[in-house]
Amino acid sequence: MAQEEQVLVVKRTVLEQVGMFQGLAFDVQRYLDRFFVPGTLSFMRRPLAEKDPSYKQLIPYVVMAHGRNVLSYVRGKRSGEGRLVGLRSIGIGGHINPSDDMPLFSDFREAYRTAVQREVAEEVTVETAYTERITALINDDSTEVGSVHLGVVHYWLLAEPKVSRREQMITQIGFLSLAELQGLRETMETWSQLCLDGLAAMEQRA
């Protein structure tokens, strides 16, 4: 029997202690400082986590930009999250799973960063230099998906627009202008709509 997927989670009460919010939060450091206190983050069976809003699954959400254009794609039928199939996204990322190398890190921040790089590499190939910064958190308790997930927005500013898909679930991938993205806003998943609305603020912080 295949082993059930384990995903990285944080208790909702921890989020509430720092300050519950709806939408984007840009004061990310005070949240991350609390999340990375030893013993705060843990792994949980995904089937349980998907149905238990007392936990938030921590999801890196990487927005990639080149100049004023932003990478965008449509989630195909092979997407791991069936509730998002067919929706456009400007975020690359997914659940963080345990791996053999995680216990080697004394600071879980480094383990998290390694996991983010691994997750991105599973979905796309980035063949250019870039700068990176965590610019926001996403919380959306208005939807079934959002109620059990918490997004950590990583803004990657690419030297060249050289990104190609690796995962079959990624379709219609390409860099689009802000005007083009605004015209497609209603076809986007909620997190991407929130990121699009906050793109100027994220650019400033990056």
N, C-alpha and C. Protein backbone atom coordinates (compact mmCIF):
# COMPACT_ATOMS: atom_id res chain seq x y z
N MET A 1 0.84 -1.19 0.00
CA MET A 1 0.00 0.00 0.00
C MET A 1 0.88 1.25 0.00
N ALA A 2 0.56 2.19 -0.88
CA ALA A 2 1.35 3.42 -0.98
C ALA A 2 1.21 4.24 0.31
N GLN A 3 2.32 4.84 0.71
CA GLN A 3 2.31 5.64 1.92
C GLN A 3 1.59 6.95 1.67
N GLU A 4 0.75 7.38 2.63
CA GLU A 4 0.00 8.62 2.45
C GLU A 4 0.94 9.82 2.51
N GLU A 5 0.64 10.81 1.68
CA GLU A 5 1.45 12.02 1.62
C GLU A 5 1.38 12.77 2.94
N GLN A 6 2.54 13.25 3.39
CA GLN A 6 2.63 14.10 4.57
C GLN A 6 2.91 15.53 4.11
N VAL A 7 2.24 16.51 4.71
CA VAL A 7 2.41 17.90 4.31
C VAL A 7 2.75 18.77 5.51
N LEU A 8 3.48 19.85 5.26
CA LEU A 8 3.90 20.77 6.31
C LEU A 8 2.72 21.64 6.73
N VAL A 9 2.48 21.73 8.05
CA VAL A 9 1.34 22.51 8.56
C VAL A 9 1.76 23.36 9.75
N VAL A 10 0.94 24.38 10.00
CA VAL A 10 1.05 25.21 11.19
C VAL A 10 -0.35 25.31 11.79
N LYS A 11 -0.45 25.31 13.10
CA LYS A 11 -1.76 25.41 13.75
C LYS A 11 -2.37 26.78 13.49
N ARG A 12 -3.67 26.80 13.24
CA ARG A 12 -4.36 28.07 13.03
C ARG A 12 -4.20 28.99 14.24
N THR A 13 -4.15 28.42 15.44
CA THR A 13 -4.02 29.24 16.64
C THR A 13 -2.71 30.04 16.63
N VAL A 14 -1.65 29.48 16.01
CA VAL A 14 -0.38 30.21 15.91
C VAL A 14 -0.56 31.43 15.02
N LEU A 15 -1.24 31.24 13.91
CA LEU A 15 -1.54 32.36 13.00
C LEU A 15 -2.38 33.41 13.71
N GLU A 16 -3.35 32.97 14.47
CA GLU A 16 -4.21 33.90 15.20
C GLU A 16 -3.44 34.68 16.26
N GLN A 17 -2.47 34.04 16.89
CA GLN A 17 -1.66 34.71 17.91
C GLN A 17 -0.84 35.85 17.32
N VAL A 18 -0.32 35.63 16.12
CA VAL A 18 0.46 36.68 15.46
C VAL A 18 -0.45 37.75 14.89
N GLY A 19 -1.60 37.33 14.37
CA GLY A 19 -2.57 38.27 13.81
C GLY A 19 -3.27 37.69 12.59
N MET A 20 -4.52 37.28 12.75
CA MET A 20 -5.28 36.73 11.63
C MET A 20 -5.58 37.84 10.62
N PHE A 21 -5.58 37.49 9.34
CA PHE A 21 -5.85 38.46 8.28
C PHE A 21 -6.56 37.74 7.14
N GLN A 22 -7.16 38.53 6.27
CA GLN A 22 -7.81 38.00 5.07
C GLN A 22 -7.18 38.70 3.87
N GLY A 23 -6.69 37.91 2.91
CA GLY A 23 -6.04 38.49 1.75
C GLY A 23 -4.54 38.41 1.89
N LEU A 24 -3.85 39.52 1.56
CA LEU A 24 -2.39 39.57 1.64
C LEU A 24 -1.93 40.27 2.90
N ALA A 25 -0.84 39.77 3.49
CA ALA A 25 -0.15 40.44 4.60
C ALA A 25 1.29 40.66 4.17
N PHE A 26 1.77 41.90 4.28
CA PHE A 26 3.11 42.22 3.80
C PHE A 26 4.15 42.27 4.93
N ASP A 27 3.71 42.28 6.17
CA ASP A 27 4.66 42.27 7.29
C ASP A 27 5.05 40.83 7.61
N VAL A 28 5.71 40.20 6.64
CA VAL A 28 5.92 38.75 6.68
C VAL A 28 6.88 38.31 7.78
N GLN A 29 7.85 39.15 8.13
CA GLN A 29 8.89 38.69 9.03
C GLN A 29 8.36 38.29 10.39
N ARG A 30 7.40 39.04 10.92
CA ARG A 30 6.89 38.69 12.26
C ARG A 30 6.14 37.36 12.25
N TYR A 31 5.52 37.03 11.12
CA TYR A 31 4.86 35.72 11.00
C TYR A 31 5.90 34.60 10.89
N LEU A 32 6.89 34.80 10.00
CA LEU A 32 7.89 33.75 9.78
C LEU A 32 8.73 33.51 11.03
N ASP A 33 9.04 34.59 11.76
CA ASP A 33 9.81 34.41 13.00
C ASP A 33 9.06 33.52 13.98
N ARG A 34 7.74 33.62 14.00
CA ARG A 34 6.94 32.78 14.90
C ARG A 34 6.81 31.37 14.34
N PHE A 35 6.61 31.24 13.05
CA PHE A 35 6.43 29.92 12.45
C PHE A 35 7.67 29.05 12.61
N PHE A 36 8.85 29.68 12.53
CA PHE A 36 10.09 28.91 12.56
C PHE A 36 10.66 28.71 13.96
N VAL A 37 9.89 29.04 14.96
CA VAL A 37 10.28 28.66 16.32
C VAL A 37 10.26 27.13 16.39
N PRO A 38 11.33 26.50 16.89
CA PRO A 38 11.37 25.03 16.94
C PRO A 38 10.11 24.42 17.56
N GLY A 39 9.55 23.43 16.89
CA GLY A 39 8.37 22.74 17.39
C GLY A 39 7.05 23.32 16.91
N THR A 40 7.10 24.43 16.17
CA THR A 40 5.86 25.06 15.72
C THR A 40 5.31 24.40 14.47
N LEU A 41 6.16 24.16 13.50
CA LEU A 41 5.75 23.49 12.27
C LEU A 41 5.81 21.99 12.45
N SER A 42 4.95 21.28 11.76
CA SER A 42 4.94 19.82 11.83
C SER A 42 4.40 19.26 10.53
N PHE A 43 4.50 17.94 10.38
CA PHE A 43 3.94 17.28 9.21
C PHE A 43 2.69 16.51 9.60
N MET A 44 1.74 16.48 8.66
CA MET A 44 0.42 15.89 8.93
C MET A 44 -0.02 15.14 7.68
N ARG A 45 -0.76 14.07 7.84
CA ARG A 45 -1.29 13.35 6.69
C ARG A 45 -2.19 14.27 5.88
N ARG A 46 -1.93 14.34 4.57
CA ARG A 46 -2.65 15.30 3.74
C ARG A 46 -4.17 15.09 3.75
N PRO A 47 -4.67 13.85 3.68
CA PRO A 47 -6.13 13.69 3.71
C PRO A 47 -6.77 14.30 4.95
N LEU A 48 -6.06 14.25 6.09
CA LEU A 48 -6.58 14.86 7.32
C LEU A 48 -6.47 16.38 7.24
N ALA A 49 -5.33 16.87 6.75
CA ALA A 49 -5.09 18.31 6.70
C ALA A 49 -6.08 19.01 5.77
N GLU A 50 -6.49 18.32 4.71
CA GLU A 50 -7.42 18.93 3.75
C GLU A 50 -8.81 19.15 4.34
N LYS A 51 -9.10 18.46 5.44
CA LYS A 51 -10.44 18.56 6.03
C LYS A 51 -10.45 19.21 7.40
N ASP A 52 -9.29 19.68 7.86
CA ASP A 52 -9.19 20.19 9.22
C ASP A 52 -8.72 21.65 9.22
N PRO A 53 -9.64 22.61 9.26
CA PRO A 53 -9.27 24.03 9.22
C PRO A 53 -8.59 24.54 10.49
N SER A 54 -8.40 23.66 11.48
CA SER A 54 -7.63 24.08 12.66
C SER A 54 -6.12 24.05 12.36
N TYR A 55 -5.77 23.55 11.17
CA TYR A 55 -4.39 23.57 10.69
C TYR A 55 -4.36 24.28 9.34
N LYS A 56 -3.24 24.92 9.07
CA LYS A 56 -3.00 25.55 7.77
C LYS A 56 -1.81 24.87 7.11
N GLN A 57 -2.01 24.35 5.91
CA GLN A 57 -0.91 23.79 5.14
C GLN A 57 -0.08 24.93 4.56
N LEU A 58 1.22 24.92 4.83
CA LEU A 58 2.10 26.01 4.40
C LEU A 58 2.53 25.76 2.95
N ILE A 59 2.17 26.69 2.07
CA ILE A 59 2.40 26.51 0.64
C ILE A 59 3.28 27.63 0.08
N PRO A 60 4.50 27.33 -0.36
CA PRO A 60 5.27 28.35 -1.07
C PRO A 60 4.60 28.66 -2.40
N TYR A 61 4.50 29.94 -2.75
CA TYR A 61 3.81 30.40 -3.95
C TYR A 61 4.76 31.36 -4.64
N VAL A 62 5.48 30.87 -5.66
CA VAL A 62 6.56 31.63 -6.28
C VAL A 62 6.05 32.39 -7.50
N VAL A 63 6.08 33.71 -7.42
CA VAL A 63 5.71 34.59 -8.53
C VAL A 63 7.00 34.96 -9.26
N MET A 64 7.06 34.65 -10.56
CA MET A 64 8.26 34.91 -11.35
C MET A 64 8.01 36.05 -12.32
N ALA A 65 8.89 37.05 -12.28
CA ALA A 65 8.73 38.22 -13.14
C ALA A 65 10.01 38.49 -13.92
N HIS A 66 9.83 38.99 -15.13
CA HIS A 66 10.96 39.50 -15.92
C HIS A 66 10.55 40.88 -16.40
N GLY A 67 11.23 41.88 -15.86
CA GLY A 67 10.80 43.24 -16.16
C GLY A 67 9.41 43.47 -15.61
N ARG A 68 8.50 43.89 -16.48
CA ARG A 68 7.12 44.15 -16.06
C ARG A 68 6.19 42.98 -16.41
N ASN A 69 6.75 41.90 -16.93
CA ASN A 69 5.94 40.74 -17.31
C ASN A 69 6.04 39.65 -16.25
N VAL A 70 4.95 38.91 -16.08
CA VAL A 70 4.86 37.90 -15.02
C VAL A 70 4.51 36.54 -15.63
N LEU A 71 5.15 35.49 -15.13
CA LEU A 71 4.87 34.14 -15.61
C LEU A 71 3.45 33.72 -15.22
N SER A 72 2.75 33.12 -16.17
CA SER A 72 1.38 32.68 -15.94
C SER A 72 1.16 31.34 -16.63
N TYR A 73 0.23 30.55 -16.09
CA TYR A 73 -0.08 29.27 -16.70
C TYR A 73 -1.49 28.86 -16.28
N VAL A 74 -2.00 27.81 -16.90
CA VAL A 74 -3.31 27.25 -16.55
C VAL A 74 -3.11 25.86 -15.98
N ARG A 75 -3.78 25.57 -14.87
CA ARG A 75 -3.66 24.25 -14.23
C ARG A 75 -4.45 23.21 -15.03
N GLY A 76 -3.75 22.22 -15.55
CA GLY A 76 -4.39 21.18 -16.35
C GLY A 76 -5.04 20.11 -15.50
N LYS A 77 -5.57 19.09 -16.16
CA LYS A 77 -6.33 18.03 -15.48
C LYS A 77 -5.47 17.18 -14.55
N ARG A 78 -4.15 17.21 -14.73
CA ARG A 78 -3.26 16.42 -13.88
C ARG A 78 -2.86 17.16 -12.60
N SER A 79 -3.46 18.30 -12.37
CA SER A 79 -3.12 19.09 -11.18
C SER A 79 -3.38 18.29 -9.92
N GLY A 80 -2.50 18.43 -8.93
CA GLY A 80 -2.66 17.71 -7.66
C GLY A 80 -3.81 18.23 -6.84
N GLU A 81 -4.27 19.44 -7.12
CA GLU A 81 -5.41 20.03 -6.42
C GLU A 81 -6.57 20.14 -7.41
N GLY A 82 -7.46 19.13 -7.36
CA GLY A 82 -8.55 19.04 -8.32
C GLY A 82 -9.48 20.24 -8.33
N ARG A 83 -9.57 20.93 -7.20
CA ARG A 83 -10.48 22.08 -7.10
C ARG A 83 -9.97 23.29 -7.87
N LEU A 84 -8.72 23.24 -8.35
CA LEU A 84 -8.13 24.38 -9.06
C LEU A 84 -7.92 24.09 -10.56
N VAL A 85 -8.33 22.91 -11.02
CA VAL A 85 -8.14 22.55 -12.42
C VAL A 85 -8.86 23.54 -13.34
N GLY A 86 -8.16 23.97 -14.39
CA GLY A 86 -8.74 24.87 -15.37
C GLY A 86 -8.59 26.34 -15.04
N LEU A 87 -8.06 26.64 -13.87
CA LEU A 87 -7.89 28.04 -13.47
C LEU A 87 -6.48 28.53 -13.80
N ARG A 88 -6.39 29.80 -14.13
CA ARG A 88 -5.08 30.41 -14.42
C ARG A 88 -4.39 30.76 -13.11
N SER A 89 -3.04 30.68 -13.13
CA SER A 89 -2.26 30.97 -11.94
C SER A 89 -1.03 31.79 -12.30
N ILE A 90 -0.55 32.59 -11.34
CA ILE A 90 0.75 33.25 -11.49
C ILE A 90 1.69 32.79 -10.38
N GLY A 91 1.35 31.69 -9.73
CA GLY A 91 2.17 31.17 -8.64
C GLY A 91 2.62 29.75 -8.90
N ILE A 92 3.92 29.50 -8.77
CA ILE A 92 4.47 28.14 -8.88
C ILE A 92 4.74 27.64 -7.46
N GLY A 93 4.35 26.42 -7.18
CA GLY A 93 4.62 25.89 -5.84
C GLY A 93 3.66 24.79 -5.48
N GLY A 94 3.75 24.36 -4.25
CA GLY A 94 2.88 23.28 -3.80
C GLY A 94 3.20 22.88 -2.38
N HIS A 95 2.63 21.78 -1.95
CA HIS A 95 2.83 21.31 -0.58
C HIS A 95 4.28 20.95 -0.32
N ILE A 96 4.72 21.17 0.89
CA ILE A 96 6.06 20.77 1.31
C ILE A 96 5.96 19.44 2.03
N ASN A 97 6.71 18.47 1.52
CA ASN A 97 6.70 17.12 2.07
C ASN A 97 8.01 16.84 2.80
N PRO A 98 8.02 15.92 3.76
CA PRO A 98 9.27 15.59 4.45
C PRO A 98 10.23 14.90 3.49
N SER A 99 11.52 15.08 3.71
CA SER A 99 12.54 14.42 2.91
C SER A 99 13.69 13.99 3.81
N ASP A 100 14.52 13.13 3.29
CA ASP A 100 15.61 12.58 4.09
C ASP A 100 16.58 13.64 4.58
N ASP A 101 16.72 14.76 3.84
CA ASP A 101 17.72 15.75 4.20
C ASP A 101 17.25 16.72 5.27
N MET A 102 15.96 16.75 5.57
CA MET A 102 15.46 17.75 6.50
C MET A 102 16.06 17.64 7.91
N PRO A 103 16.23 16.44 8.47
CA PRO A 103 16.80 16.35 9.81
C PRO A 103 18.24 16.86 9.91
N LEU A 104 18.91 17.03 8.77
CA LEU A 104 20.29 17.48 8.80
C LEU A 104 20.40 18.97 9.08
N PHE A 105 19.29 19.69 8.97
CA PHE A 105 19.31 21.14 9.15
C PHE A 105 18.96 21.49 10.58
N SER A 106 19.83 22.24 11.24
CA SER A 106 19.52 22.68 12.59
C SER A 106 18.52 23.83 12.58
N ASP A 107 18.50 24.60 11.48
CA ASP A 107 17.58 25.71 11.33
C ASP A 107 16.56 25.33 10.26
N PHE A 108 15.29 25.21 10.65
CA PHE A 108 14.28 24.75 9.70
C PHE A 108 14.05 25.75 8.57
N ARG A 109 14.49 27.00 8.76
CA ARG A 109 14.39 27.98 7.68
C ARG A 109 15.15 27.48 6.45
N GLU A 110 16.34 26.93 6.69
CA GLU A 110 17.14 26.43 5.57
C GLU A 110 16.49 25.20 4.94
N ALA A 111 15.92 24.35 5.77
CA ALA A 111 15.20 23.19 5.25
C ALA A 111 14.01 23.64 4.40
N TYR A 112 13.33 24.68 4.85
CA TYR A 112 12.20 25.22 4.10
C TYR A 112 12.67 25.76 2.75
N ARG A 113 13.75 26.54 2.74
CA ARG A 113 14.25 27.11 1.50
C ARG A 113 14.66 26.00 0.52
N THR A 114 15.28 24.97 1.03
CA THR A 114 15.66 23.84 0.18
C THR A 114 14.42 23.17 -0.41
N ALA A 115 13.39 23.03 0.41
CA ALA A 115 12.14 22.41 -0.05
C ALA A 115 11.47 23.26 -1.13
N VAL A 116 11.54 24.58 -0.99
CA VAL A 116 10.95 25.47 -2.01
C VAL A 116 11.67 25.29 -3.34
N GLN A 117 13.00 25.27 -3.31
CA GLN A 117 13.78 25.08 -4.53
C GLN A 117 13.43 23.75 -5.19
N ARG A 118 13.29 22.73 -4.38
CA ARG A 118 12.97 21.40 -4.90
C ARG A 118 11.57 21.39 -5.53
N GLU A 119 10.63 22.03 -4.86
CA GLU A 119 9.25 22.08 -5.37
C GLU A 119 9.17 22.80 -6.70
N VAL A 120 9.85 23.93 -6.81
CA VAL A 120 9.86 24.69 -8.07
C VAL A 120 10.49 23.85 -9.17
N ALA A 121 11.62 23.19 -8.86
CA ALA A 121 12.33 22.40 -9.86
C ALA A 121 11.51 21.22 -10.36
N GLU A 122 10.57 20.75 -9.56
CA GLU A 122 9.70 19.66 -9.99
C GLU A 122 8.67 20.13 -11.02
N GLU A 123 8.34 21.41 -10.98
CA GLU A 123 7.26 21.93 -11.84
C GLU A 123 7.77 22.66 -13.07
N VAL A 124 8.86 23.42 -12.93
CA VAL A 124 9.38 24.18 -14.07
C VAL A 124 10.91 24.12 -14.09
N THR A 125 11.47 24.45 -15.24
CA THR A 125 12.92 24.60 -15.39
C THR A 125 13.22 26.08 -15.56
N VAL A 126 14.05 26.62 -14.68
CA VAL A 126 14.44 28.03 -14.73
C VAL A 126 15.89 28.08 -15.19
N GLU A 127 16.11 28.65 -16.38
CA GLU A 127 17.44 28.68 -16.97
C GLU A 127 17.97 30.11 -17.03
N THR A 128 17.96 30.78 -15.91
CA THR A 128 18.46 32.15 -15.83
C THR A 128 18.74 32.50 -14.38
N ALA A 129 19.54 33.53 -14.18
CA ALA A 129 19.79 34.02 -12.82
C ALA A 129 18.58 34.79 -12.33
N TYR A 130 18.45 34.88 -11.00
CA TYR A 130 17.32 35.63 -10.44
C TYR A 130 17.65 36.07 -9.02
N THR A 131 16.91 37.07 -8.58
CA THR A 131 16.94 37.46 -7.17
C THR A 131 15.62 37.04 -6.55
N GLU A 132 15.63 36.80 -5.25
CA GLU A 132 14.45 36.24 -4.58
C GLU A 132 14.19 36.95 -3.26
N ARG A 133 12.90 37.14 -2.95
CA ARG A 133 12.53 37.66 -1.65
C ARG A 133 11.12 37.22 -1.31
N ILE A 134 10.88 36.88 -0.05
CA ILE A 134 9.52 36.60 0.41
C ILE A 134 8.84 37.95 0.63
N THR A 135 7.75 38.18 -0.08
CA THR A 135 7.14 39.51 -0.08
C THR A 135 5.76 39.58 0.58
N ALA A 136 5.12 38.44 0.79
CA ALA A 136 3.77 38.48 1.35
C ALA A 136 3.35 37.10 1.83
N LEU A 137 2.29 37.08 2.64
CA LEU A 137 1.58 35.86 2.97
C LEU A 137 0.17 35.98 2.42
N ILE A 138 -0.42 34.83 2.08
CA ILE A 138 -1.80 34.81 1.57
C ILE A 138 -2.67 33.97 2.48
N ASN A 139 -3.79 34.55 2.90
CA ASN A 139 -4.79 33.78 3.62
C ASN A 139 -6.17 34.11 3.04
N ASP A 140 -6.91 33.08 2.69
CA ASP A 140 -8.25 33.28 2.14
C ASP A 140 -9.20 32.24 2.73
N ASP A 141 -9.87 32.62 3.80
CA ASP A 141 -10.80 31.71 4.46
C ASP A 141 -12.18 31.71 3.83
N SER A 142 -12.32 32.40 2.68
CA SER A 142 -13.63 32.49 2.05
C SER A 142 -13.92 31.28 1.15
N THR A 143 -12.90 30.44 0.89
CA THR A 143 -13.10 29.28 0.03
C THR A 143 -12.72 28.01 0.77
N GLU A 144 -13.20 26.88 0.29
CA GLU A 144 -12.89 25.59 0.89
C GLU A 144 -11.41 25.29 0.82
N VAL A 145 -10.79 25.59 -0.32
CA VAL A 145 -9.36 25.36 -0.49
C VAL A 145 -8.57 26.29 0.44
N GLY A 146 -8.92 27.57 0.43
CA GLY A 146 -8.18 28.56 1.19
C GLY A 146 -8.24 28.36 2.69
N SER A 147 -9.32 27.78 3.17
CA SER A 147 -9.51 27.65 4.62
C SER A 147 -8.48 26.72 5.26
N VAL A 148 -7.85 25.86 4.46
CA VAL A 148 -6.87 24.90 5.02
C VAL A 148 -5.46 25.13 4.47
N HIS A 149 -5.23 26.28 3.81
CA HIS A 149 -3.92 26.58 3.25
C HIS A 149 -3.49 27.99 3.63
N LEU A 150 -2.18 28.19 3.71
CA LEU A 150 -1.58 29.51 3.94
C LEU A 150 -0.42 29.65 2.96
N GLY A 151 -0.47 30.68 2.13
CA GLY A 151 0.55 30.87 1.11
C GLY A 151 1.69 31.75 1.58
N VAL A 152 2.90 31.37 1.19
CA VAL A 152 4.09 32.20 1.42
C VAL A 152 4.57 32.64 0.04
N VAL A 153 4.41 33.92 -0.27
CA VAL A 153 4.69 34.43 -1.61
C VAL A 153 6.17 34.77 -1.76
N HIS A 154 6.83 34.05 -2.66
CA HIS A 154 8.22 34.32 -3.01
C HIS A 154 8.23 35.06 -4.35
N TYR A 155 8.87 36.21 -4.40
CA TYR A 155 8.94 36.99 -5.65
C TYR A 155 10.31 36.80 -6.26
N TRP A 156 10.36 36.17 -7.44
CA TRP A 156 11.61 35.94 -8.15
C TRP A 156 11.69 36.92 -9.32
N LEU A 157 12.71 37.75 -9.33
CA LEU A 157 12.94 38.67 -10.44
C LEU A 157 14.01 38.05 -11.34
N LEU A 158 13.62 37.64 -12.54
CA LEU A 158 14.49 36.89 -13.44
C LEU A 158 15.29 37.81 -14.35
N ALA A 159 16.55 37.42 -14.62
CA ALA A 159 17.38 38.18 -15.55
C ALA A 159 16.90 38.01 -16.98
N GLU A 160 16.37 36.82 -17.31
CA GLU A 160 15.86 36.53 -18.64
C GLU A 160 14.56 35.73 -18.51
N PRO A 161 13.67 35.81 -19.50
CA PRO A 161 12.40 35.08 -19.42
C PRO A 161 12.54 33.64 -19.88
N LYS A 162 13.43 32.90 -19.23
CA LYS A 162 13.72 31.53 -19.65
C LYS A 162 13.18 30.54 -18.63
N VAL A 163 11.90 30.23 -18.75
CA VAL A 163 11.23 29.27 -17.87
C VAL A 163 10.39 28.34 -18.75
N SER A 164 10.52 27.05 -18.53
CA SER A 164 9.72 26.08 -19.28
C SER A 164 9.10 25.08 -18.32
N ARG A 165 8.04 24.46 -18.73
CA ARG A 165 7.32 23.55 -17.83
C ARG A 165 8.02 22.19 -17.75
N ARG A 166 7.85 21.55 -16.61
CA ARG A 166 8.28 20.16 -16.43
C ARG A 166 7.07 19.28 -16.12
N GLU A 167 6.16 19.81 -15.31
CA GLU A 167 4.96 19.06 -14.93
C GLU A 167 3.92 19.13 -16.04
N GLN A 168 3.26 17.99 -16.32
CA GLN A 168 2.23 17.96 -17.35
C GLN A 168 1.00 18.77 -16.95
N MET A 169 0.83 18.99 -15.65
CA MET A 169 -0.36 19.73 -15.22
C MET A 169 -0.26 21.21 -15.58
N ILE A 170 0.93 21.68 -15.98
CA ILE A 170 1.11 23.08 -16.35
C ILE A 170 0.87 23.24 -17.84
N THR A 171 -0.10 24.08 -18.22
CA THR A 171 -0.41 24.32 -19.63
C THR A 171 -0.45 25.82 -19.88
N GLN A 172 -0.36 26.19 -21.15
CA GLN A 172 -0.47 27.59 -21.59
C GLN A 172 0.49 28.50 -20.80
N ILE A 173 1.74 28.06 -20.63
CA ILE A 173 2.70 28.80 -19.83
C ILE A 173 3.36 29.90 -20.66
N GLY A 174 3.57 31.06 -20.05
CA GLY A 174 4.23 32.16 -20.73
C GLY A 174 4.22 33.42 -19.88
N PHE A 175 5.02 34.40 -20.29
CA PHE A 175 5.07 35.68 -19.58
C PHE A 175 4.06 36.64 -20.19
N LEU A 176 3.25 37.25 -19.32
CA LEU A 176 2.21 38.17 -19.76
C LEU A 176 2.39 39.53 -19.10
N SER A 177 1.96 40.57 -19.79
CA SER A 177 2.02 41.92 -19.24
C SER A 177 0.95 42.10 -18.18
N LEU A 178 1.09 43.14 -17.39
CA LEU A 178 0.09 43.44 -16.36
C LEU A 178 -1.28 43.64 -16.98
N ALA A 179 -1.33 44.33 -18.11
CA ALA A 179 -2.62 44.57 -18.78
C ALA A 179 -3.25 43.25 -19.23
N GLU A 180 -2.43 42.35 -19.77
CA GLU A 180 -2.95 41.05 -20.20
C GLU A 180 -3.47 40.25 -19.01
N LEU A 181 -2.73 40.29 -17.90
CA LEU A 181 -3.15 39.57 -16.70
C LEU A 181 -4.45 40.15 -16.14
N GLN A 182 -4.55 41.46 -16.15
CA GLN A 182 -5.78 42.09 -15.65
C GLN A 182 -6.98 41.66 -16.49
N GLY A 183 -6.78 41.49 -17.78
CA GLY A 183 -7.86 41.04 -18.65
C GLY A 183 -8.27 39.60 -18.40
N LEU A 184 -7.37 38.83 -17.79
CA LEU A 184 -7.64 37.42 -17.49
C LEU A 184 -7.97 37.18 -16.02
N ARG A 185 -8.11 38.25 -15.26
CA ARG A 185 -8.25 38.13 -13.81
C ARG A 185 -9.38 37.20 -13.39
N GLU A 186 -10.51 37.26 -14.06
CA GLU A 186 -11.67 36.46 -13.66
C GLU A 186 -11.47 34.97 -13.93
N THR A 187 -10.44 34.60 -14.68
CA THR A 187 -10.18 33.19 -14.95
C THR A 187 -9.15 32.62 -13.97
N MET A 188 -8.67 33.45 -13.04
CA MET A 188 -7.59 33.05 -12.13
C MET A 188 -8.11 32.44 -10.84
N GLU A 189 -7.27 31.57 -10.25
CA GLU A 189 -7.55 31.10 -8.90
C GLU A 189 -7.45 32.27 -7.93
N THR A 190 -8.11 32.17 -6.79
CA THR A 190 -8.22 33.29 -5.86
C THR A 190 -6.86 33.82 -5.42
N TRP A 191 -5.91 32.94 -5.11
CA TRP A 191 -4.59 33.40 -4.66
C TRP A 191 -3.92 34.25 -5.73
N SER A 192 -4.06 33.87 -6.99
CA SER A 192 -3.44 34.64 -8.07
C SER A 192 -4.13 36.00 -8.23
N GLN A 193 -5.43 36.04 -8.04
CA GLN A 193 -6.13 37.32 -8.08
C GLN A 193 -5.60 38.25 -6.99
N LEU A 194 -5.40 37.71 -5.80
CA LEU A 194 -4.88 38.51 -4.69
C LEU A 194 -3.46 38.99 -4.98
N CYS A 195 -2.63 38.10 -5.54
CA CYS A 195 -1.26 38.49 -5.87
C CYS A 195 -1.23 39.53 -6.98
N LEU A 196 -2.10 39.38 -7.95
CA LEU A 196 -2.18 40.36 -9.04
C LEU A 196 -2.54 41.72 -8.49
N ASP A 197 -3.51 41.77 -7.59
CA ASP A 197 -3.92 43.04 -6.99
C ASP A 197 -2.80 43.66 -6.16
N GLY A 198 -1.94 42.82 -5.57
CA GLY A 198 -0.86 43.32 -4.72
C GLY A 198 0.49 43.34 -5.40
N LEU A 199 0.52 43.19 -6.73
CA LEU A 199 1.78 43.05 -7.45
C LEU A 199 2.69 44.27 -7.28
N ALA A 200 2.13 45.46 -7.33
CA ALA A 200 2.95 46.67 -7.20
C ALA A 200 3.65 46.71 -5.85
N ALA A 201 2.92 46.36 -4.79
CA ALA A 201 3.51 46.35 -3.44
C ALA A 201 4.60 45.29 -3.34
N MET A 202 4.40 44.14 -4.00
CA MET A 202 5.41 43.09 -3.95
C MET A 202 6.66 43.50 -4.73
N GLU A 203 6.47 44.19 -5.86
CA GLU A 203 7.61 44.67 -6.63
C GLU A 203 8.46 45.61 -5.80
N GLN A 204 7.84 46.48 -5.07
CA GLN A 204 8.56 47.44 -4.22
C GLN A 204 9.38 46.72 -3.17
N ARG A 205 8.81 45.67 -2.60
CA ARG A 205 9.51 44.95 -1.53
C ARG A 205 10.61 44.05 -2.08
N ALA A 206 10.51 43.69 -3.36
CA ALA A 206 11.52 42.82 -3.97
C ALA A 206 12.72 43.62 -4.47
